[in-house]
Every structure is written in structure tokens, then in C-alpha cells.
Amino acid sequence: MFLEADKRVLMEDIGLARFESLPDKFSVYRGYGRFARHTTNGISWTTNRDQAEWFALRTTTPMLLEAQMPRSAVMATFEYEWEVLKNPLVRVKKTNDVDLWMPAEARLKRMEELGKKLRAAAKRQKNLPKVVAAE
């Protein structure tokens, strides 16, 4: 049902404009715990590396996945959390997987730093950061 939905119905104007401006292939990120089974086949991704790192650091075994996503795989884009929803039937090409493990105290401090940075970025701009085209 979601796959067949009209993108103009799924997204607000800013998300639709962002979707229409996406390059043919671009970098996406996903933060997860090391033992998660749904890494590259998950549907929720972000174009903001800091946002993905923040998600990863919420786990005790944080990992950051970077992949290349074709525009044709995108079902919707949203301003909140720089989110990109990927068609679950399409696989993305993993380009990097980073272990972000650090002691709990350092992890909490880094999450706080990232939270401040992300809030400031959201306040500074109504539009999303430019999506970086894949090489």
C-alpha cells in the first residue's frame, strides 16, 4: 500500500521538493546496535551523518552504516531527522560500517554534543542540508 501511494500525498511540500532535487545516487546513514538484524534492509535512513550517529549512540553497541541509495529506491523524504524512507524491496550498497563503541560516560557526552548541534542546525534552516551525490 505504501509503495503504491502518491508521493504528493505522503510528503509535505518541503519533503516533496527535497525528493525532486535528489541526485540519481546519494549517501545515506543509519545508526544501529551491533546485533540488529535489520541494517541494510531497514526502511528508515537519514542523509545527516550526525543524526545517524546520535541514533547509534543510544545503543550499548553503536554502529554507523553508510550506504549509497539510488533515487529510485526512495519512497518519501521528511524534514524531521533528515529522514529518507527506502523501498524495502530495494537493497542499498553498503560503503562503510563504523564501530562507534566508547565508554558510557563518553557516549553520553557525545550524544549531548550531537543533540545541541542537530537542534542548532534545525533552527538555522527550514530546508534540509544538501544531499551529497554519490561518487
N, C-alpha and C. Protein backbone atom coordinates (compact mmCIF):
# COMPACT_ATOMS: atom_id res chain seq x y z
N MET A 1 0.82 -1.19 0.00
CA MET A 1 0.00 0.00 0.00
C MET A 1 0.87 1.26 0.00
N PHE A 2 1.85 1.31 0.90
CA PHE A 2 2.73 2.47 0.99
C PHE A 2 3.52 2.64 -0.30
N LEU A 3 3.95 1.51 -0.89
CA LEU A 3 4.74 1.57 -2.12
C LEU A 3 3.95 2.16 -3.28
N GLU A 4 2.66 1.99 -3.26
CA GLU A 4 1.81 2.46 -4.35
C GLU A 4 1.26 3.87 -4.12
N ALA A 5 1.49 4.42 -2.94
CA ALA A 5 0.94 5.74 -2.60
C ALA A 5 1.60 6.85 -3.42
N ASP A 6 0.85 7.86 -3.71
CA ASP A 6 1.33 9.04 -4.43
C ASP A 6 2.24 9.83 -3.49
N LYS A 7 3.46 10.12 -3.93
CA LYS A 7 4.43 10.85 -3.10
C LYS A 7 3.89 12.22 -2.65
N ARG A 8 3.04 12.83 -3.47
CA ARG A 8 2.48 14.13 -3.11
C ARG A 8 1.55 14.01 -1.90
N VAL A 9 1.02 12.83 -1.66
CA VAL A 9 0.15 12.60 -0.51
C VAL A 9 0.98 12.27 0.73
N LEU A 10 2.08 11.57 0.53
CA LEU A 10 2.92 11.13 1.65
C LEU A 10 3.73 12.25 2.28
N MET A 11 4.14 13.23 1.47
CA MET A 11 5.09 14.23 1.94
C MET A 11 4.50 15.63 1.96
N GLU A 12 5.03 16.46 2.86
CA GLU A 12 4.72 17.87 2.86
C GLU A 12 5.49 18.51 1.71
N ASP A 13 5.19 19.76 1.41
CA ASP A 13 5.84 20.44 0.28
C ASP A 13 7.36 20.41 0.36
N ILE A 14 7.92 20.62 1.55
CA ILE A 14 9.38 20.66 1.69
C ILE A 14 9.99 19.28 1.41
N GLY A 15 9.32 18.23 1.86
CA GLY A 15 9.80 16.88 1.58
C GLY A 15 9.71 16.53 0.12
N LEU A 16 8.64 16.95 -0.52
CA LEU A 16 8.46 16.69 -1.94
C LEU A 16 9.50 17.45 -2.77
N ALA A 17 9.76 18.70 -2.41
CA ALA A 17 10.78 19.48 -3.11
C ALA A 17 12.15 18.83 -2.93
N ARG A 18 12.41 18.35 -1.74
CA ARG A 18 13.68 17.69 -1.48
C ARG A 18 13.79 16.41 -2.30
N PHE A 19 12.73 15.63 -2.33
CA PHE A 19 12.73 14.40 -3.11
C PHE A 19 13.04 14.70 -4.58
N GLU A 20 12.38 15.72 -5.11
CA GLU A 20 12.56 16.06 -6.52
C GLU A 20 13.96 16.56 -6.84
N SER A 21 14.67 17.06 -5.82
CA SER A 21 16.03 17.57 -6.05
C SER A 21 17.12 16.53 -5.77
N LEU A 22 16.74 15.34 -5.36
CA LEU A 22 17.74 14.30 -5.07
C LEU A 22 18.52 13.92 -6.32
N PRO A 23 19.84 13.70 -6.16
CA PRO A 23 20.61 13.20 -7.29
C PRO A 23 20.25 11.73 -7.57
N ASP A 24 20.73 11.20 -8.67
CA ASP A 24 20.42 9.82 -9.04
C ASP A 24 20.89 8.82 -7.99
N LYS A 25 22.00 9.12 -7.32
CA LYS A 25 22.53 8.27 -6.25
C LYS A 25 23.13 9.18 -5.19
N PHE A 26 22.92 8.87 -3.91
CA PHE A 26 23.41 9.73 -2.84
C PHE A 26 23.72 8.92 -1.60
N SER A 27 24.45 9.54 -0.67
CA SER A 27 24.85 8.88 0.58
C SER A 27 23.75 8.97 1.62
N VAL A 28 23.52 7.86 2.30
CA VAL A 28 22.59 7.80 3.43
C VAL A 28 23.28 7.10 4.59
N TYR A 29 22.74 7.31 5.79
CA TYR A 29 23.35 6.79 7.01
C TYR A 29 22.27 6.16 7.88
N ARG A 30 22.73 5.20 8.69
CA ARG A 30 21.81 4.52 9.60
C ARG A 30 22.58 4.16 10.86
N GLY A 31 22.07 4.60 12.01
CA GLY A 31 22.68 4.25 13.29
C GLY A 31 21.95 3.06 13.88
N TYR A 32 22.70 2.09 14.40
CA TYR A 32 22.07 0.88 14.92
C TYR A 32 22.96 0.22 15.96
N GLY A 33 22.43 -0.76 16.65
CA GLY A 33 23.20 -1.56 17.59
C GLY A 33 23.82 -2.74 16.86
N ARG A 34 25.02 -3.12 17.24
CA ARG A 34 25.78 -4.16 16.56
C ARG A 34 24.99 -5.44 16.27
N PHE A 35 24.07 -5.80 17.12
CA PHE A 35 23.37 -7.07 16.97
C PHE A 35 22.02 -6.94 16.26
N ALA A 36 21.74 -5.77 15.72
CA ALA A 36 20.49 -5.58 14.97
C ALA A 36 20.54 -6.40 13.68
N ARG A 37 19.41 -6.96 13.32
CA ARG A 37 19.35 -7.78 12.11
C ARG A 37 18.90 -6.96 10.90
N HIS A 38 18.32 -5.83 11.11
CA HIS A 38 17.75 -5.03 10.02
C HIS A 38 18.63 -3.81 9.73
N THR A 39 19.79 -4.04 9.18
CA THR A 39 20.68 -2.90 8.91
C THR A 39 20.47 -2.38 7.49
N THR A 40 21.01 -3.05 6.49
CA THR A 40 20.88 -2.52 5.13
C THR A 40 19.48 -2.67 4.55
N ASN A 41 18.67 -3.56 5.11
CA ASN A 41 17.32 -3.73 4.57
C ASN A 41 16.27 -2.91 5.31
N GLY A 42 16.69 -2.10 6.29
CA GLY A 42 15.74 -1.25 7.00
C GLY A 42 15.21 -0.14 6.10
N ILE A 43 14.05 0.39 6.42
CA ILE A 43 13.47 1.42 5.55
C ILE A 43 13.81 2.84 5.98
N SER A 44 14.17 3.05 7.23
CA SER A 44 14.38 4.41 7.73
C SER A 44 15.87 4.75 7.72
N TRP A 45 16.23 5.78 6.94
CA TRP A 45 17.61 6.24 6.80
C TRP A 45 17.63 7.75 6.97
N THR A 46 18.82 8.33 7.07
CA THR A 46 18.96 9.78 7.13
C THR A 46 20.10 10.22 6.22
N THR A 47 20.01 11.44 5.71
CA THR A 47 21.10 11.99 4.92
C THR A 47 22.07 12.78 5.80
N ASN A 48 21.79 12.83 7.10
CA ASN A 48 22.62 13.58 8.04
C ASN A 48 23.41 12.59 8.90
N ARG A 49 24.73 12.57 8.71
CA ARG A 49 25.58 11.62 9.44
C ARG A 49 25.48 11.82 10.95
N ASP A 50 25.44 13.07 11.40
CA ASP A 50 25.34 13.35 12.84
C ASP A 50 24.05 12.75 13.42
N GLN A 51 22.96 12.83 12.67
CA GLN A 51 21.70 12.26 13.14
C GLN A 51 21.82 10.75 13.29
N ALA A 52 22.44 10.10 12.33
CA ALA A 52 22.63 8.64 12.41
C ALA A 52 23.53 8.26 13.57
N GLU A 53 24.58 9.05 13.79
CA GLU A 53 25.47 8.78 14.91
C GLU A 53 24.71 8.90 16.23
N TRP A 54 23.87 9.91 16.35
CA TRP A 54 23.07 10.09 17.56
C TRP A 54 22.18 8.87 17.81
N PHE A 55 21.53 8.37 16.75
CA PHE A 55 20.71 7.16 16.89
C PHE A 55 21.56 5.97 17.34
N ALA A 56 22.73 5.81 16.75
CA ALA A 56 23.61 4.69 17.09
C ALA A 56 24.03 4.74 18.56
N LEU A 57 24.36 5.93 19.03
CA LEU A 57 24.88 6.07 20.39
C LEU A 57 23.82 5.81 21.46
N ARG A 58 22.57 5.68 21.07
CA ARG A 58 21.52 5.31 22.03
C ARG A 58 21.62 3.84 22.43
N THR A 59 22.39 3.07 21.70
CA THR A 59 22.56 1.65 21.99
C THR A 59 23.87 1.44 22.74
N THR A 60 24.04 0.27 23.34
CA THR A 60 25.29 -0.02 24.05
C THR A 60 26.36 -0.55 23.10
N THR A 61 25.98 -0.91 21.88
CA THR A 61 26.94 -1.39 20.88
C THR A 61 26.76 -0.59 19.58
N PRO A 62 27.05 0.72 19.62
CA PRO A 62 26.71 1.60 18.50
C PRO A 62 27.53 1.34 17.23
N MET A 63 26.82 1.29 16.12
CA MET A 63 27.42 1.14 14.80
C MET A 63 26.81 2.19 13.88
N LEU A 64 27.60 2.65 12.93
CA LEU A 64 27.13 3.63 11.95
C LEU A 64 27.35 3.04 10.57
N LEU A 65 26.27 2.92 9.84
CA LEU A 65 26.32 2.35 8.49
C LEU A 65 26.17 3.48 7.47
N GLU A 66 27.03 3.48 6.48
CA GLU A 66 26.90 4.40 5.36
C GLU A 66 26.64 3.58 4.11
N ALA A 67 25.74 4.06 3.27
CA ALA A 67 25.40 3.34 2.04
C ALA A 67 25.10 4.33 0.93
N GLN A 68 25.07 3.81 -0.28
CA GLN A 68 24.67 4.58 -1.45
C GLN A 68 23.25 4.16 -1.82
N MET A 69 22.38 5.14 -1.96
CA MET A 69 20.98 4.84 -2.27
C MET A 69 20.62 5.46 -3.62
N PRO A 70 20.03 4.67 -4.50
CA PRO A 70 19.54 5.26 -5.75
C PRO A 70 18.25 6.02 -5.49
N ARG A 71 18.07 7.12 -6.17
CA ARG A 71 16.86 7.93 -6.01
C ARG A 71 15.60 7.09 -6.23
N SER A 72 15.69 6.13 -7.13
CA SER A 72 14.54 5.28 -7.45
C SER A 72 14.09 4.43 -6.26
N ALA A 73 14.94 4.28 -5.24
CA ALA A 73 14.60 3.48 -4.07
C ALA A 73 13.84 4.27 -3.01
N VAL A 74 13.76 5.58 -3.18
CA VAL A 74 13.17 6.45 -2.16
C VAL A 74 11.64 6.46 -2.28
N MET A 75 10.99 6.13 -1.17
CA MET A 75 9.53 6.20 -1.12
C MET A 75 9.06 7.58 -0.68
N ALA A 76 9.82 8.21 0.25
CA ALA A 76 9.45 9.53 0.77
C ALA A 76 10.65 10.14 1.48
N THR A 77 10.63 11.47 1.59
CA THR A 77 11.62 12.18 2.38
C THR A 77 10.87 13.11 3.34
N PHE A 78 11.46 13.30 4.52
CA PHE A 78 10.83 14.14 5.54
C PHE A 78 11.88 15.08 6.14
N GLU A 79 11.45 16.27 6.50
CA GLU A 79 12.34 17.24 7.09
C GLU A 79 12.85 16.76 8.45
N TYR A 80 11.96 16.19 9.23
CA TYR A 80 12.31 15.76 10.58
C TYR A 80 13.39 14.68 10.53
N GLU A 81 14.48 14.90 11.18
CA GLU A 81 15.61 13.98 11.25
C GLU A 81 16.24 13.70 9.89
N TRP A 82 15.98 14.57 8.89
CA TRP A 82 16.56 14.41 7.57
C TRP A 82 16.29 13.01 7.02
N GLU A 83 15.08 12.55 7.28
CA GLU A 83 14.74 11.15 7.02
C GLU A 83 14.44 10.85 5.55
N VAL A 84 14.89 9.68 5.14
CA VAL A 84 14.60 9.12 3.82
C VAL A 84 14.03 7.73 4.05
N LEU A 85 12.85 7.47 3.50
CA LEU A 85 12.26 6.13 3.60
C LEU A 85 12.59 5.36 2.34
N LYS A 86 13.24 4.19 2.52
CA LYS A 86 13.68 3.36 1.41
C LYS A 86 12.67 2.25 1.14
N ASN A 87 12.46 1.99 -0.12
CA ASN A 87 11.64 0.85 -0.53
C ASN A 87 12.28 -0.42 0.03
N PRO A 88 11.56 -1.20 0.83
CA PRO A 88 12.16 -2.40 1.45
C PRO A 88 12.51 -3.49 0.44
N LEU A 89 12.02 -3.39 -0.76
CA LEU A 89 12.34 -4.38 -1.79
C LEU A 89 13.66 -4.08 -2.51
N VAL A 90 14.22 -2.90 -2.24
CA VAL A 90 15.47 -2.49 -2.89
C VAL A 90 16.61 -2.55 -1.89
N ARG A 91 17.70 -3.15 -2.28
CA ARG A 91 18.90 -3.20 -1.44
C ARG A 91 19.78 -1.99 -1.74
N VAL A 92 20.44 -1.48 -0.72
CA VAL A 92 21.38 -0.39 -0.91
C VAL A 92 22.80 -0.95 -0.87
N LYS A 93 23.73 -0.22 -1.44
CA LYS A 93 25.13 -0.65 -1.47
C LYS A 93 25.86 -0.07 -0.26
N LYS A 94 26.24 -0.96 0.67
CA LYS A 94 26.96 -0.52 1.86
C LYS A 94 28.36 -0.06 1.48
N THR A 95 28.75 1.13 1.94
CA THR A 95 30.09 1.64 1.64
C THR A 95 30.98 1.73 2.87
N ASN A 96 30.39 1.76 4.05
CA ASN A 96 31.18 1.89 5.27
C ASN A 96 30.36 1.44 6.46
N ASP A 97 31.00 0.80 7.41
CA ASP A 97 30.37 0.38 8.66
C ASP A 97 31.36 0.72 9.78
N VAL A 98 30.99 1.64 10.65
CA VAL A 98 31.91 2.16 11.66
C VAL A 98 31.45 1.76 13.05
N ASP A 99 32.37 1.19 13.81
CA ASP A 99 32.11 0.84 15.21
C ASP A 99 32.32 2.11 16.04
N LEU A 100 31.27 2.56 16.72
CA LEU A 100 31.33 3.80 17.49
C LEU A 100 31.44 3.54 19.00
N TRP A 101 31.83 2.32 19.38
CA TRP A 101 31.85 2.00 20.80
C TRP A 101 32.76 2.96 21.54
N MET A 102 32.29 3.37 22.72
CA MET A 102 33.06 4.20 23.65
C MET A 102 32.47 3.99 25.04
N PRO A 103 33.22 4.30 26.08
CA PRO A 103 32.68 4.15 27.43
C PRO A 103 31.38 4.95 27.59
N ALA A 104 30.52 4.50 28.48
CA ALA A 104 29.19 5.10 28.66
C ALA A 104 29.25 6.61 28.89
N GLU A 105 30.16 7.06 29.74
CA GLU A 105 30.25 8.49 30.04
C GLU A 105 30.60 9.29 28.78
N ALA A 106 31.54 8.78 28.00
CA ALA A 106 31.92 9.46 26.75
C ALA A 106 30.77 9.42 25.75
N ARG A 107 30.04 8.30 25.71
CA ARG A 107 28.91 8.17 24.80
C ARG A 107 27.82 9.20 25.12
N LEU A 108 27.51 9.36 26.40
CA LEU A 108 26.51 10.34 26.82
C LEU A 108 26.94 11.77 26.48
N LYS A 109 28.22 12.06 26.69
CA LYS A 109 28.74 13.39 26.37
C LYS A 109 28.64 13.64 24.86
N ARG A 110 29.01 12.65 24.06
CA ARG A 110 28.94 12.80 22.60
C ARG A 110 27.49 12.97 22.15
N MET A 111 26.56 12.24 22.75
CA MET A 111 25.14 12.39 22.40
C MET A 111 24.65 13.80 22.70
N GLU A 112 25.09 14.34 23.83
CA GLU A 112 24.71 15.71 24.20
C GLU A 112 25.25 16.71 23.18
N GLU A 113 26.52 16.54 22.78
CA GLU A 113 27.12 17.42 21.77
C GLU A 113 26.36 17.33 20.46
N LEU A 114 26.05 16.12 20.03
CA LEU A 114 25.33 15.93 18.78
C LEU A 114 23.92 16.53 18.86
N GLY A 115 23.26 16.34 20.00
CA GLY A 115 21.92 16.89 20.18
C GLY A 115 21.91 18.41 20.02
N LYS A 116 22.89 19.08 20.63
CA LYS A 116 22.99 20.54 20.50
C LYS A 116 23.24 20.94 19.05
N LYS A 117 24.13 20.22 18.40
CA LYS A 117 24.45 20.51 17.01
C LYS A 117 23.24 20.32 16.10
N LEU A 118 22.50 19.24 16.31
CA LEU A 118 21.33 18.95 15.49
C LEU A 118 20.21 19.97 15.73
N ARG A 119 20.00 20.35 16.99
CA ARG A 119 18.97 21.37 17.29
C ARG A 119 19.32 22.70 16.66
N ALA A 120 20.61 23.07 16.72
CA ALA A 120 21.04 24.34 16.12
C ALA A 120 20.85 24.30 14.61
N ALA A 121 21.17 23.19 13.99
CA ALA A 121 21.00 23.06 12.53
C ALA A 121 19.53 23.17 12.16
N ALA A 122 18.67 22.57 12.94
CA ALA A 122 17.23 22.62 12.65
C ALA A 122 16.69 24.04 12.79
N LYS A 123 17.21 24.79 13.76
CA LYS A 123 16.75 26.17 13.96
C LYS A 123 17.26 27.10 12.86
N ARG A 124 18.49 26.86 12.40
CA ARG A 124 19.11 27.74 11.40
C ARG A 124 18.44 27.67 10.04
N GLN A 125 17.88 26.55 9.75
CA GLN A 125 17.34 26.40 8.40
C GLN A 125 16.03 25.65 8.37
N LYS A 126 15.18 26.09 7.51
CA LYS A 126 13.92 25.39 7.30
C LYS A 126 14.13 24.28 6.29
N ASN A 127 15.03 24.50 5.35
CA ASN A 127 15.33 23.48 4.35
C ASN A 127 16.36 22.51 4.90
N LEU A 128 16.38 21.34 4.36
CA LEU A 128 17.30 20.30 4.79
C LEU A 128 18.69 20.54 4.23
N PRO A 129 19.71 19.96 4.88
CA PRO A 129 21.05 20.07 4.32
C PRO A 129 21.06 19.46 2.92
N LYS A 130 21.92 20.00 2.08
CA LYS A 130 22.01 19.48 0.73
C LYS A 130 22.44 18.03 0.76
N VAL A 131 21.79 17.21 -0.02
CA VAL A 131 22.13 15.79 -0.11
C VAL A 131 23.37 15.66 -0.97
N VAL A 132 24.34 14.89 -0.50
CA VAL A 132 25.59 14.71 -1.22
C VAL A 132 25.45 13.59 -2.23
N ALA A 133 25.74 13.90 -3.48
CA ALA A 133 25.67 12.90 -4.54
C ALA A 133 26.77 11.87 -4.35
N ALA A 134 26.47 10.64 -4.70
CA ALA A 134 27.46 9.56 -4.61
C ALA A 134 28.47 9.71 -5.72
N GLU A 135 29.67 9.23 -5.47
CA GLU A 135 30.73 9.29 -6.48
C GLU A 135 30.60 8.15 -7.45
